[in-house]
Protein backbone atom coordinates (compact mmCIF):
# COMPACT_ATOMS: atom_id res chain seq x y z
CA MET A 1 -30.19 1.52 1.77
CA PRO A 2 -30.61 5.28 2.41
CA ASP A 3 -27.87 7.59 1.18
CA THR A 4 -27.79 9.31 4.58
CA ILE A 5 -25.56 6.56 5.98
CA HIS A 6 -22.90 7.11 3.31
CA PRO A 7 -20.01 9.51 4.05
CA ALA A 8 -20.24 12.73 2.04
CA GLY A 9 -16.58 13.67 1.44
CA HIS A 10 -14.83 13.98 -1.93
CA VAL A 11 -13.37 10.48 -1.86
CA ALA A 12 -16.68 9.02 -0.68
CA GLN A 13 -18.43 10.70 -3.60
CA CYS A 14 -15.96 9.04 -6.00
CA VAL A 15 -16.75 5.66 -4.44
CA ALA A 16 -20.50 6.32 -4.54
CA GLY A 17 -20.28 7.41 -8.19
CA GLN A 18 -19.08 4.04 -9.43
CA ASP A 19 -21.39 1.81 -11.47
CA TRP A 20 -22.25 -0.47 -8.58
CA ASP A 21 -24.64 -2.63 -10.58
CA ALA A 22 -21.86 -3.48 -13.03
CA LEU A 23 -19.29 -3.95 -10.25
CA THR A 24 -21.63 -6.25 -8.35
CA GLY A 25 -22.14 -8.32 -11.49
CA GLU A 26 -18.38 -8.72 -11.97
CA ILE A 27 -17.79 -9.56 -8.32
CA ASP A 28 -20.52 -12.19 -8.44
CA ALA A 29 -19.13 -13.67 -11.65
CA PHE A 30 -15.39 -13.60 -10.93
CA GLY A 31 -14.87 -12.80 -7.25
CA HIS A 32 -13.23 -9.44 -8.03
CA ALA A 33 -13.85 -6.20 -9.94
CA LEU A 34 -11.88 -3.05 -10.72
CA ALA A 35 -13.37 0.28 -9.58
CA GLY A 36 -12.11 3.73 -10.26
CA PRO A 37 -10.58 6.10 -10.48
CA ILE A 38 -11.32 6.89 -6.84
CA LEU A 39 -8.13 8.80 -5.96
CA THR A 40 -6.17 11.47 -7.84
CA PRO A 41 -2.42 10.99 -8.45
CA ASP A 42 -1.73 13.64 -5.79
CA GLU A 43 -3.87 11.76 -3.25
CA CYS A 44 -2.06 8.55 -4.14
CA HIS A 45 1.33 10.17 -3.60
CA ARG A 46 0.22 11.58 -0.25
CA ILE A 47 -0.85 8.15 0.95
CA SER A 48 2.28 6.34 -0.27
CA ALA A 49 4.44 8.99 1.46
CA LEU A 50 2.86 7.98 4.78
CA TYR A 51 4.97 4.82 4.65
CA ASP A 52 7.94 6.88 5.83
CA GLU A 53 6.10 8.04 8.97
CA PRO A 54 6.51 5.03 11.29
CA GLY A 55 4.48 6.63 14.07
CA LEU A 56 1.33 6.02 12.02
CA PHE A 57 1.76 2.23 12.17
CA ARG A 58 1.43 -0.43 14.85
CA THR A 59 3.85 -2.89 13.23
CA THR A 60 6.03 -3.56 10.18
CA VAL A 61 6.18 -6.98 8.52
CA ASP A 62 9.19 -8.21 6.55
CA MET A 63 7.64 -10.68 4.12
CA GLU A 64 10.86 -12.56 3.34
CA ARG A 65 11.54 -13.16 7.02
CA HIS A 66 8.13 -14.78 7.45
CA ARG A 67 8.32 -16.58 4.07
CA PHE A 68 5.34 -14.58 2.78
CA GLY A 69 7.28 -13.47 -0.30
CA ALA A 70 9.65 -10.49 -0.46
CA GLY A 71 8.99 -6.86 0.40
CA GLN A 72 7.47 -5.08 3.32
CA TYR A 73 4.14 -3.84 4.63
CA ARG A 74 2.90 -1.88 7.60
CA TYR A 75 -0.35 -2.02 9.58
CA PHE A 76 -1.83 1.34 10.50
CA THR A 77 -2.87 2.06 14.08
CA HIS A 78 -6.56 2.68 14.72
CA ASP A 79 -5.85 6.41 14.37
CA LEU A 80 -6.19 6.20 10.59
CA PRO A 81 -5.28 9.12 8.31
CA GLY A 82 -8.48 10.86 7.26
CA ILE A 83 -8.41 9.78 3.61
CA VAL A 84 -7.85 6.12 4.57
CA ALA A 85 -10.72 6.21 7.08
CA GLU A 86 -12.96 7.89 4.51
CA LEU A 87 -12.23 5.28 1.86
CA ARG A 88 -12.94 2.41 4.23
CA ALA A 89 -16.17 3.95 5.47
CA ALA A 90 -17.30 4.70 1.91
CA PHE A 91 -16.77 1.16 0.62
CA TYR A 92 -18.37 -0.73 3.51
CA PRO A 93 -22.06 0.12 2.83
CA ARG A 94 -21.57 -0.50 -0.89
CA LEU A 95 -20.10 -3.97 -0.30
CA LEU A 96 -22.51 -4.91 2.48
CA PRO A 97 -25.39 -5.99 0.17
CA ILE A 98 -23.01 -8.30 -1.70
CA ALA A 99 -21.76 -9.81 1.56
CA ARG A 100 -25.30 -10.45 2.77
CA ASP A 101 -26.34 -11.94 -0.57
CA TRP A 102 -23.36 -14.31 -0.54
CA ALA A 103 -24.17 -15.40 3.01
CA ALA A 104 -27.78 -16.12 2.02
CA LYS A 105 -26.70 -18.19 -0.99
CA LEU A 106 -24.34 -20.26 1.17
CA ARG A 107 -26.82 -20.46 4.06
CA LEU A 108 -24.36 -18.80 6.40
CA ALA A 109 -24.86 -16.25 9.15
CA ALA A 110 -24.66 -12.59 8.07
CA PRO A 111 -23.53 -10.82 11.24
CA TRP A 112 -22.64 -7.51 9.62
CA PRO A 113 -24.68 -4.51 10.83
CA ASP A 114 -25.46 -1.46 8.71
CA GLY A 115 -22.71 0.58 10.35
CA LEU A 116 -18.98 -0.11 10.04
CA GLU A 117 -18.23 1.20 13.54
CA GLU A 118 -20.73 -1.21 15.07
CA TRP A 119 -19.21 -4.11 13.13
CA ILE A 120 -15.68 -3.20 14.24
CA ALA A 121 -16.92 -3.02 17.84
CA MET A 122 -18.24 -6.56 17.40
CA CYS A 123 -14.80 -7.64 16.16
CA HIS A 124 -13.18 -6.10 19.23
CA GLY A 125 -15.68 -7.81 21.49
CA ALA A 126 -14.66 -11.13 19.96
CA GLY A 127 -10.96 -10.49 20.62
CA GLN A 128 -10.03 -9.08 17.20
CA ALA A 129 -8.92 -5.61 18.27
CA LYS A 130 -5.88 -4.78 16.10
CA SER A 131 -6.13 -2.55 13.04
CA ALA A 132 -5.82 -4.49 9.79
CA GLN A 133 -5.46 -1.56 7.36
CA ILE A 134 -2.27 -2.09 5.37
CA LEU A 135 0.18 0.04 3.42
CA LEU A 136 2.48 -2.10 1.26
CA ARG A 137 5.79 -1.25 -0.39
CA TYR A 138 7.45 -3.43 -3.05
CA GLY A 139 10.79 -2.87 -4.75
CA ALA A 140 12.40 -4.66 -7.68
CA GLY A 141 12.38 -8.41 -7.06
CA ASP A 142 9.64 -8.26 -4.40
CA TRP A 143 6.46 -10.33 -4.53
CA ASN A 144 3.62 -11.53 -2.30
CA ALA A 145 2.72 -15.19 -1.88
CA LEU A 146 -0.85 -16.35 -2.44
CA HIS A 147 -2.76 -16.01 0.82
CA ARG A 148 -5.99 -14.96 2.52
CA ASP A 149 -6.36 -12.15 5.10
CA VAL A 150 -8.28 -14.15 7.71
CA PHE A 151 -7.55 -12.99 11.26
CA GLY A 152 -10.26 -14.80 13.24
CA ASP A 153 -13.89 -15.85 13.20
CA MET A 154 -15.13 -12.29 12.60
CA LEU A 155 -14.68 -11.96 8.86
CA PHE A 156 -15.97 -9.65 6.14
CA PRO A 157 -15.97 -11.52 2.80
CA LEU A 158 -14.69 -8.68 0.59
CA GLN A 159 -11.78 -6.26 0.74
CA VAL A 160 -10.19 -3.58 -1.45
CA VAL A 161 -6.66 -2.85 -2.66
CA VAL A 162 -5.92 0.60 -4.09
CA GLY A 163 -3.03 1.20 -6.51
CA LEU A 164 -0.89 4.19 -5.47
CA ASP A 165 1.75 4.16 -8.24
CA ALA A 166 1.48 4.15 -12.03
CA PRO A 167 2.26 0.81 -13.71
CA GLY A 168 4.67 1.16 -16.62
CA ALA A 169 5.94 4.49 -15.28
CA ASP A 170 6.72 3.96 -11.59
CA PHE A 171 7.15 0.19 -11.75
CA THR A 172 6.84 -2.84 -14.01
CA GLY A 173 5.51 -6.26 -13.13
CA GLY A 174 3.67 -6.48 -9.82
CA GLU A 175 0.32 -7.72 -11.18
CA PHE A 176 -2.37 -8.53 -8.63
CA LEU A 177 -2.96 -12.28 -8.69
CA MET A 178 -6.01 -14.31 -7.71
CA THR A 179 -6.68 -18.03 -7.76
CA GLU A 180 -10.05 -19.70 -7.38
CA GLN A 181 -10.33 -23.32 -6.33
CA ARG A 182 -13.38 -24.46 -8.29
CA PRO A 183 -15.54 -27.32 -7.04
CA ARG A 184 -14.45 -30.63 -8.57
CA ALA A 185 -12.29 -28.83 -11.17
CA GLN A 186 -8.83 -27.35 -11.61
CA SER A 187 -8.14 -23.92 -10.17
CA ARG A 188 -8.71 -20.73 -12.18
CA GLY A 189 -6.21 -17.87 -12.05
CA SER A 190 -6.31 -14.18 -12.96
CA ALA A 191 -3.81 -11.32 -13.14
CA THR A 192 -4.82 -7.66 -12.92
CA THR A 193 -2.65 -4.63 -13.57
CA LEU A 194 -3.78 -2.16 -10.92
CA PRO A 195 -3.97 1.40 -12.33
CA GLN A 196 -2.99 4.31 -10.11
CA GLY A 197 -5.94 5.55 -8.08
CA HIS A 198 -8.16 2.57 -8.86
CA GLY A 199 -9.46 0.08 -6.32
CA LEU A 200 -9.73 -3.65 -6.87
CA ILE A 201 -12.55 -5.23 -4.88
CA PHE A 202 -11.86 -8.90 -4.23
CA THR A 203 -12.88 -11.94 -2.23
CA THR A 204 -11.31 -12.28 1.22
CA ARG A 205 -11.67 -16.05 1.60
CA ASP A 206 -14.54 -17.78 -0.24
CA ARG A 207 -17.26 -16.90 -2.70
CA PRO A 208 -20.45 -18.69 -3.81
CA VAL A 209 -20.54 -20.36 -7.22
CA ALA A 210 -23.61 -21.94 -8.81
CA SER A 211 -23.63 -25.72 -8.92
CA LYS A 212 -26.07 -28.51 -9.72
CA ARG A 213 -26.91 -28.68 -6.02
CA GLY A 214 -27.49 -24.95 -5.63
CA TRP A 215 -24.48 -23.00 -4.40
CA SER A 216 -20.98 -24.23 -3.55
CA VAL A 217 -18.05 -22.58 -1.82
CA ALA A 218 -15.06 -21.59 -3.98
CA PRO A 219 -11.97 -20.76 -1.89
CA MET A 220 -9.89 -17.88 -3.27
CA ARG A 221 -6.40 -16.58 -2.60
CA HIS A 222 -4.58 -13.44 -3.66
CA GLY A 223 -0.99 -12.29 -4.08
CA VAL A 224 1.32 -10.12 -6.18
CA SER A 225 3.63 -11.19 -9.00
CA THR A 226 7.31 -10.21 -8.95
CA VAL A 227 7.99 -6.49 -9.39
CA ARG A 228 10.47 -6.23 -12.26
CA SER A 229 11.60 -2.63 -11.73
CA GLY A 230 10.77 0.49 -9.76
CA ARG A 231 8.68 0.77 -6.61
CA ARG A 232 5.04 -0.23 -6.08
CA HIS A 233 2.82 0.96 -3.21
CA THR A 234 -0.71 -0.20 -2.48
CA LEU A 235 -3.27 0.49 0.22
CA GLY A 236 -5.19 -2.46 1.60
CA LEU A 237 -8.66 -1.85 3.07
CA VAL A 238 -9.84 -4.72 5.27
CA PHE A 239 -13.29 -4.61 6.85
CA HIS A 240 -12.54 -6.70 9.92
CA ASP A 241 -9.85 -6.28 12.55
CA ALA A 242 -7.12 -8.71 13.60
CA ALA A 243 -6.59 -10.75 16.75
């Protein structure tokens, strides 16, 4: 894919400079991979501070009220802050080949065009027109139940969460959790400590796993373990919009 379609800003250059062959190998093998650093501590602090500007968000979700866990998150409006929009645009073309490869292995449609804006327009045309970019805030005792960010039929199979605070300094606990339901076997779990400024690429819903019959679907879910102390912020980049 030609480099001319990739954004050229500072953050985009950090995303482009990752070892994408190695990341792709990890994503294929485990359904997730840690990239970074892609943001400086100052950039992380600037993004986490946006949480206190309610005008930037379309809605706030109290997780305990909805029995999603404990803590709070906010969905941005479509008028994304520049650095958030740049990150999302930078990741999409890098993840697109993986998405298409997974679809081919599972003999599924691969509706995703080369351009993110065109794909989002397709989501809107199908009735998924709400921004799904998330800024999350956890305090001591907060956690996020295992779930999948599926908002309709228009789905991109990978997403990214970016750590905005420093584990061990700003907070303790709060590991990023994933479970994989393996075909005809017990589930496999993983826990990742998300470093500040790093992005974890992970499976949105399902991933292909090799089987005796070719390729099988392995459903995956993600969540966050209990934060023991301090405050933890993360940025969630989702590549489809919500209904």
